[in-house]
Amino acid sequence: MAITRGDVVAVLGSVDDALVAEIIATGASLSELREAFAWLNSEEALMNEGRPLPGTHVAALIDLIEPQDDFGL
């Protein structure tokens, strides 16, 4: 089942429409989006549980939703 804008907002909260479109374009599922969000918010805890590293879709989602450090470069 395709992820929807509502799914993205339910997981991430209020986000930019462009980001929503990029997330939907990955073809990831809602469970993959939830997993990516969990990795970003508790990476150490998930690793301590022995969880496998994120798969392709989850890694792509992490790259999209991870806050970017803008140092004016």
PDB file of N, CA and C in Angstrom:
ATOM      1  N   MET A   1       0.846  -1.182   0.000  1.00  0.00           N
ATOM      2  CA  MET A   1       0.000   0.000   0.000  1.00  0.00           C
ATOM      3  C   MET A   1       0.889   1.242   0.000  1.00  0.00           C
ATOM      4  N   ALA A   2       0.554   2.185  -0.838  1.00  0.00           N
ATOM      5  CA  ALA A   2       1.354   3.404  -0.972  1.00  0.00           C
ATOM      6  C   ALA A   2       1.173   4.298   0.246  1.00  0.00           C
ATOM      7  N   ILE A   3       2.259   4.926   0.637  1.00  0.00           N
ATOM      8  CA  ILE A   3       2.242   5.872   1.754  1.00  0.00           C
ATOM      9  C   ILE A   3       1.561   7.155   1.285  1.00  0.00           C
ATOM     10  N   THR A   4       0.827   7.790   2.171  1.00  0.00           N
ATOM     11  CA  THR A   4       0.099   9.012   1.822  1.00  0.00           C
ATOM     12  C   THR A   4       0.657  10.213   2.579  1.00  0.00           C
ATOM     13  N   ARG A   5       0.216  11.391   2.167  1.00  0.00           N
ATOM     14  CA  ARG A   5       0.615  12.613   2.874  1.00  0.00           C
ATOM     15  C   ARG A   5       0.189  12.524   4.333  1.00  0.00           C
ATOM     16  N   GLY A   6      -1.008  12.016   4.566  1.00  0.00           N
ATOM     17  CA  GLY A   6      -1.516  11.869   5.923  1.00  0.00           C
ATOM     18  C   GLY A   6      -0.636  10.951   6.768  1.00  0.00           C
ATOM     19  N   ASP A   7      -0.130   9.887   6.148  1.00  0.00           N
ATOM     20  CA  ASP A   7       0.778   8.976   6.849  1.00  0.00           C
ATOM     21  C   ASP A   7       2.051   9.707   7.266  1.00  0.00           C
ATOM     22  N   VAL A   8       2.602  10.468   6.334  1.00  0.00           N
ATOM     23  CA  VAL A   8       3.845  11.197   6.599  1.00  0.00           C
ATOM     24  C   VAL A   8       3.645  12.187   7.744  1.00  0.00           C
ATOM     25  N   VAL A   9       2.554  12.937   7.688  1.00  0.00           N
ATOM     26  CA  VAL A   9       2.269  13.924   8.727  1.00  0.00           C
ATOM     27  C   VAL A   9       2.010  13.230  10.071  1.00  0.00           C
ATOM     28  N   ALA A  10       1.351  12.085  10.048  1.00  0.00           N
ATOM     29  CA  ALA A  10       1.072  11.362  11.287  1.00  0.00           C
ATOM     30  C   ALA A  10       2.361  10.920  11.979  1.00  0.00           C
ATOM     31  N   VAL A  11       3.369  10.562  11.196  1.00  0.00           N
ATOM     32  CA  VAL A  11       4.638  10.098  11.766  1.00  0.00           C
ATOM     33  C   VAL A  11       5.562  11.265  12.102  1.00  0.00           C
ATOM     34  N   LEU A  12       5.700  12.217  11.178  1.00  0.00           N
ATOM     35  CA  LEU A  12       6.703  13.272  11.326  1.00  0.00           C
ATOM     36  C   LEU A  12       6.154  14.588  11.865  1.00  0.00           C
ATOM     37  N   GLY A  13       4.852  14.756  11.851  1.00  0.00           N
ATOM     38  CA  GLY A  13       4.280  16.044  12.223  1.00  0.00           C
ATOM     39  C   GLY A  13       4.251  16.953  11.006  1.00  0.00           C
ATOM     40  N   SER A  14       4.113  18.232  11.241  1.00  0.00           N
ATOM     41  CA  SER A  14       4.040  19.208  10.160  1.00  0.00           C
ATOM     42  C   SER A  14       5.366  19.272   9.413  1.00  0.00           C
ATOM     43  N   VAL A  15       5.333  18.952   8.129  1.00  0.00           N
ATOM     44  CA  VAL A  15       6.541  18.989   7.295  1.00  0.00           C
ATOM     45  C   VAL A  15       6.235  19.670   5.968  1.00  0.00           C
ATOM     46  N   ASP A  16       7.272  20.108   5.323  1.00  0.00           N
ATOM     47  CA  ASP A  16       7.229  20.776   4.033  1.00  0.00           C
ATOM     48  C   ASP A  16       6.645  19.838   2.963  1.00  0.00           C
ATOM     49  N   ASP A  17       5.829  20.395   2.065  1.00  0.00           N
ATOM     50  CA  ASP A  17       5.220  19.600   0.996  1.00  0.00           C
ATOM     51  C   ASP A  17       6.254  18.935   0.100  1.00  0.00           C
ATOM     52  N   ALA A  18       7.365  19.607  -0.128  1.00  0.00           N
ATOM     53  CA  ALA A  18       8.417  19.021  -0.963  1.00  0.00           C
ATOM     54  C   ALA A  18       8.990  17.769  -0.300  1.00  0.00           C
ATOM     55  N   LEU A  19       9.178  17.818   1.015  1.00  0.00           N
ATOM     56  CA  LEU A  19       9.686  16.648   1.736  1.00  0.00           C
ATOM     57  C   LEU A  19       8.675  15.513   1.679  1.00  0.00           C
ATOM     58  N   VAL A  20       7.408  15.831   1.832  1.00  0.00           N
ATOM     59  CA  VAL A  20       6.361  14.806   1.738  1.00  0.00           C
ATOM     60  C   VAL A  20       6.446  14.118   0.377  1.00  0.00           C
ATOM     61  N   ALA A  21       6.573  14.899  -0.680  1.00  0.00           N
ATOM     62  CA  ALA A  21       6.657  14.339  -2.033  1.00  0.00           C
ATOM     63  C   ALA A  21       7.889  13.449  -2.188  1.00  0.00           C
ATOM     64  N   GLU A  22       9.023  13.883  -1.640  1.00  0.00           N
ATOM     65  CA  GLU A  22      10.246  13.077  -1.724  1.00  0.00           C
ATOM     66  C   GLU A  22      10.089  11.758  -0.974  1.00  0.00           C
ATOM     67  N   ILE A  23       9.456  11.808   0.181  1.00  0.00           N
ATOM     68  CA  ILE A  23       9.247  10.594   0.970  1.00  0.00           C
ATOM     69  C   ILE A  23       8.333   9.629   0.222  1.00  0.00           C
ATOM     70  N   ILE A  24       7.239  10.132  -0.322  1.00  0.00           N
ATOM     71  CA  ILE A  24       6.317   9.291  -1.083  1.00  0.00           C
ATOM     72  C   ILE A  24       7.019   8.686  -2.292  1.00  0.00           C
ATOM     73  N   ALA A  25       7.878   9.467  -2.951  1.00  0.00           N
ATOM     74  CA  ALA A  25       8.582   9.011  -4.150  1.00  0.00           C
ATOM     75  C   ALA A  25       9.561   7.867  -3.876  1.00  0.00           C
ATOM     76  N   THR A  26       9.955   7.662  -2.622  1.00  0.00           N
ATOM     77  CA  THR A  26      10.879   6.559  -2.318  1.00  0.00           C
ATOM     78  C   THR A  26      10.219   5.204  -2.502  1.00  0.00           C
ATOM     79  N   GLY A  27       8.891   5.177  -2.457  1.00  0.00           N
ATOM     80  CA  GLY A  27       8.183   3.907  -2.560  1.00  0.00           C
ATOM     81  C   GLY A  27       8.170   3.141  -1.247  1.00  0.00           C
ATOM     82  N   ALA A  28       8.594   3.789  -0.187  1.00  0.00           N
ATOM     83  CA  ALA A  28       8.652   3.142   1.122  1.00  0.00           C
ATOM     84  C   ALA A  28       7.250   2.953   1.692  1.00  0.00           C
ATOM     85  N   SER A  29       7.145   2.010   2.605  1.00  0.00           N
ATOM     86  CA  SER A  29       5.873   1.749   3.281  1.00  0.00           C
ATOM     87  C   SER A  29       5.781   2.577   4.555  1.00  0.00           C
ATOM     88  N   LEU A  30       4.600   2.599   5.129  1.00  0.00           N
ATOM     89  CA  LEU A  30       4.388   3.308   6.385  1.00  0.00           C
ATOM     90  C   LEU A  30       5.259   2.701   7.488  1.00  0.00           C
ATOM     91  N   SER A  31       5.367   1.396   7.522  1.00  0.00           N
ATOM     92  CA  SER A  31       6.206   0.765   8.554  1.00  0.00           C
ATOM     93  C   SER A  31       7.672   1.144   8.379  1.00  0.00           C
ATOM     94  N   GLU A  32       8.115   1.298   7.136  1.00  0.00           N
ATOM     95  CA  GLU A  32       9.501   1.723   6.894  1.00  0.00           C
ATOM     96  C   GLU A  32       9.712   3.168   7.342  1.00  0.00           C
ATOM     97  N   LEU A  33       8.721   4.022   7.130  1.00  0.00           N
ATOM     98  CA  LEU A  33       8.816   5.411   7.596  1.00  0.00           C
ATOM     99  C   LEU A  33       8.877   5.446   9.120  1.00  0.00           C
ATOM    100  N   ARG A  34       8.051   4.654   9.763  1.00  0.00           N
ATOM    101  CA  ARG A  34       8.077   4.583  11.229  1.00  0.00           C
ATOM    102  C   ARG A  34       9.436   4.088  11.729  1.00  0.00           C
ATOM    103  N   GLU A  35       9.980   3.097  11.038  1.00  0.00           N
ATOM    104  CA  GLU A  35      11.287   2.569  11.430  1.00  0.00           C
ATOM    105  C   GLU A  35      12.376   3.623  11.265  1.00  0.00           C
ATOM    106  N   ALA A  36      12.345   4.363  10.168  1.00  0.00           N
ATOM    107  CA  ALA A  36      13.334   5.423   9.940  1.00  0.00           C
ATOM    108  C   ALA A  36      13.244   6.471  11.043  1.00  0.00           C
ATOM    109  N   PHE A  37      12.026   6.842  11.407  1.00  0.00           N
ATOM    110  CA  PHE A  37      11.820   7.819  12.469  1.00  0.00           C
ATOM    111  C   PHE A  37      12.367   7.283  13.796  1.00  0.00           C
ATOM    112  N   ALA A  38      12.131   6.020  14.052  1.00  0.00           N
ATOM    113  CA  ALA A  38      12.640   5.402  15.282  1.00  0.00           C
ATOM    114  C   ALA A  38      14.165   5.399  15.300  1.00  0.00           C
ATOM    115  N   TRP A  39      14.792   5.088  14.166  1.00  0.00           N
ATOM    116  CA  TRP A  39      16.260   5.097  14.099  1.00  0.00           C
ATOM    117  C   TRP A  39      16.809   6.487  14.377  1.00  0.00           C
ATOM    118  N   LEU A  40      16.165   7.504  13.845  1.00  0.00           N
ATOM    119  CA  LEU A  40      16.647   8.868  14.057  1.00  0.00           C
ATOM    120  C   LEU A  40      16.503   9.316  15.505  1.00  0.00           C
ATOM    121  N   ASN A  41      15.495   8.814  16.176  1.00  0.00           N
ATOM    122  CA  ASN A  41      15.210   9.273  17.522  1.00  0.00           C
ATOM    123  C   ASN A  41      15.741   8.379  18.629  1.00  0.00           C
ATOM    124  N   SER A  42      16.219   7.191  18.283  1.00  0.00           N
ATOM    125  CA  SER A  42      16.736   6.301  19.318  1.00  0.00           C
ATOM    126  C   SER A  42      17.710   5.287  18.739  1.00  0.00           C
ATOM    127  N   GLU A  43      18.630   5.756  17.915  1.00  0.00           N
ATOM    128  CA  GLU A  43      19.571   4.867  17.236  1.00  0.00           C
ATOM    129  C   GLU A  43      20.319   3.962  18.207  1.00  0.00           C
ATOM    130  N   GLU A  44      20.826   4.536  19.265  1.00  0.00           N
ATOM    131  CA  GLU A  44      21.617   3.757  20.217  1.00  0.00           C
ATOM    132  C   GLU A  44      20.769   2.657  20.859  1.00  0.00           C
ATOM    133  N   ALA A  45      19.542   2.986  21.222  1.00  0.00           N
ATOM    134  CA  ALA A  45      18.657   1.993  21.843  1.00  0.00           C
ATOM    135  C   ALA A  45      18.361   0.849  20.886  1.00  0.00           C
ATOM    136  N   LEU A  46      18.127   1.166  19.622  1.00  0.00           N
ATOM    137  CA  LEU A  46      17.839   0.115  18.641  1.00  0.00           C
ATOM    138  C   LEU A  46      19.055  -0.774  18.411  1.00  0.00           C
ATOM    139  N   MET A  47      20.226  -0.184  18.390  1.00  0.00           N
ATOM    140  CA  MET A  47      21.443  -0.977  18.204  1.00  0.00           C
ATOM    141  C   MET A  47      21.678  -1.871  19.413  1.00  0.00           C
ATOM    142  N   ASN A  48      21.392  -1.354  20.600  1.00  0.00           N
ATOM    143  CA  ASN A  48      21.563  -2.145  21.817  1.00  0.00           C
ATOM    144  C   ASN A  48      20.592  -3.320  21.865  1.00  0.00           C
ATOM    145  N   GLU A  49      19.462  -3.199  21.183  1.00  0.00           N
ATOM    146  CA  GLU A  49      18.497  -4.293  21.096  1.00  0.00           C
ATOM    147  C   GLU A  49      18.941  -5.341  20.092  1.00  0.00           C
ATOM    148  N   GLY A  50      20.021  -5.057  19.377  1.00  0.00           N
ATOM    149  CA  GLY A  50      20.503  -5.995  18.368  1.00  0.00           C
ATOM    150  C   GLY A  50      19.732  -5.935  17.071  1.00  0.00           C
ATOM    151  N   ARG A  51      19.029  -4.834  16.833  1.00  0.00           N
ATOM    152  CA  ARG A  51      18.272  -4.689  15.592  1.00  0.00           C
ATOM    153  C   ARG A  51      19.237  -4.598  14.415  1.00  0.00           C
ATOM    154  N   PRO A  52      18.878  -5.180  13.287  1.00  0.00           N
ATOM    155  CA  PRO A  52      19.734  -5.055  12.099  1.00  0.00           C
ATOM    156  C   PRO A  52      19.755  -3.613  11.618  1.00  0.00           C
ATOM    157  N   LEU A  53      20.803  -3.245  10.917  1.00  0.00           N
ATOM    158  CA  LEU A  53      20.907  -1.897  10.370  1.00  0.00           C
ATOM    159  C   LEU A  53      19.776  -1.666   9.368  1.00  0.00           C
ATOM    160  N   PRO A  54      19.394  -0.415   9.171  1.00  0.00           N
ATOM    161  CA  PRO A  54      18.279  -0.111   8.272  1.00  0.00           C
ATOM    162  C   PRO A  54      18.509  -0.624   6.859  1.00  0.00           C
ATOM    163  N   GLY A  55      17.412  -1.079   6.232  1.00  0.00           N
ATOM    164  CA  GLY A  55      17.448  -1.508   4.840  1.00  0.00           C
ATOM    165  C   GLY A  55      17.454  -0.309   3.902  1.00  0.00           C
ATOM    166  N   THR A  56      17.371  -0.571   2.625  1.00  0.00           N
ATOM    167  CA  THR A  56      17.488   0.460   1.593  1.00  0.00           C
ATOM    168  C   THR A  56      16.457   1.572   1.728  1.00  0.00           C
ATOM    169  N   HIS A  57      15.178   1.214   1.797  1.00  0.00           N
ATOM    170  CA  HIS A  57      14.137   2.248   1.905  1.00  0.00           C
ATOM    171  C   HIS A  57      14.285   3.032   3.196  1.00  0.00           C
ATOM    172  N   VAL A  58      14.538   2.337   4.284  1.00  0.00           N
ATOM    173  CA  VAL A  58      14.650   3.008   5.579  1.00  0.00           C
ATOM    174  C   VAL A  58      15.849   3.951   5.580  1.00  0.00           C
ATOM    175  N   ALA A  59      16.962   3.522   5.026  1.00  0.00           N
ATOM    176  CA  ALA A  59      18.154   4.379   4.963  1.00  0.00           C
ATOM    177  C   ALA A  59      17.881   5.617   4.114  1.00  0.00           C
ATOM    178  N   ALA A  60      17.170   5.456   3.001  1.00  0.00           N
ATOM    179  CA  ALA A  60      16.830   6.595   2.147  1.00  0.00           C
ATOM    180  C   ALA A  60      15.924   7.571   2.900  1.00  0.00           C
ATOM    181  N   LEU A  61      14.986   7.036   3.665  1.00  0.00           N
ATOM    182  CA  LEU A  61      14.102   7.893   4.451  1.00  0.00           C
ATOM    183  C   LEU A  61      14.872   8.633   5.534  1.00  0.00           C
ATOM    184  N   ILE A  62      15.796   7.955   6.180  1.00  0.00           N
ATOM    185  CA  ILE A  62      16.616   8.602   7.202  1.00  0.00           C
ATOM    186  C   ILE A  62      17.362   9.782   6.594  1.00  0.00           C
ATOM    187  N   ASP A  63      17.936   9.573   5.415  1.00  0.00           N
ATOM    188  CA  ASP A  63      18.657  10.660   4.743  1.00  0.00           C
ATOM    189  C   ASP A  63      17.743  11.849   4.461  1.00  0.00           C
ATOM    190  N   LEU A  64      16.495  11.576   4.123  1.00  0.00           N
ATOM    191  CA  LEU A  64      15.557  12.654   3.815  1.00  0.00           C
ATOM    192  C   LEU A  64      15.080  13.399   5.056  1.00  0.00           C
ATOM    193  N   ILE A  65      14.811  12.678   6.123  1.00  0.00           N
ATOM    194  CA  ILE A  65      14.183  13.326   7.285  1.00  0.00           C
ATOM    195  C   ILE A  65      15.170  13.750   8.366  1.00  0.00           C
ATOM    196  N   GLU A  66      16.420  13.334   8.237  1.00  0.00           N
ATOM    197  CA  GLU A  66      17.411  13.733   9.228  1.00  0.00           C
ATOM    198  C   GLU A  66      17.667  15.228   9.137  1.00  0.00           C
ATOM    199  N   PRO A  67      17.627  15.915  10.270  1.00  0.00           N
ATOM    200  CA  PRO A  67      17.911  17.363  10.241  1.00  0.00           C
ATOM    201  C   PRO A  67      19.310  17.637   9.647  1.00  0.00           C
ATOM    202  N   GLN A  68      19.353  18.611   8.785  1.00  0.00           N
ATOM    203  CA  GLN A  68      20.610  18.959   8.147  1.00  0.00           C
ATOM    204  C   GLN A  68      21.307  20.058   8.927  1.00  0.00           C
ATOM    205  N   ASP A  69      22.613  19.927   9.067  1.00  0.00           N
ATOM    206  CA  ASP A  69      23.406  20.977   9.706  1.00  0.00           C
ATOM    207  C   ASP A  69      23.788  21.988   8.622  1.00  0.00           C
ATOM    208  N   ASP A  70      23.251  23.159   8.737  1.00  0.00           N
ATOM    209  CA  ASP A  70      23.580  24.223   7.784  1.00  0.00           C
ATOM    210  C   ASP A  70      24.568  25.171   8.435  1.00  0.00           C
ATOM    211  N   PHE A  71      25.795  25.081   7.986  1.00  0.00           N
ATOM    212  CA  PHE A  71      26.849  25.929   8.535  1.00  0.00           C
ATOM    213  C   PHE A  71      27.246  27.012   7.545  1.00  0.00           C
ATOM    214  N   GLY A  72      26.351  27.296   6.607  1.00  0.00           N
ATOM    215  CA  GLY A  72      26.627  28.329   5.625  1.00  0.00           C
ATOM    216  C   GLY A  72      27.650  27.917   4.585  1.00  0.00           C
ATOM    217  N   LEU A  73      27.816  26.606   4.405  1.00  0.00           N
ATOM    218  CA  LEU A  73      28.775  26.117   3.406  1.00  0.00           C
ATOM    219  C   LEU A  73      28.136  25.966   2.078  1.00  0.00           C
TER     220      LEU A  73
END
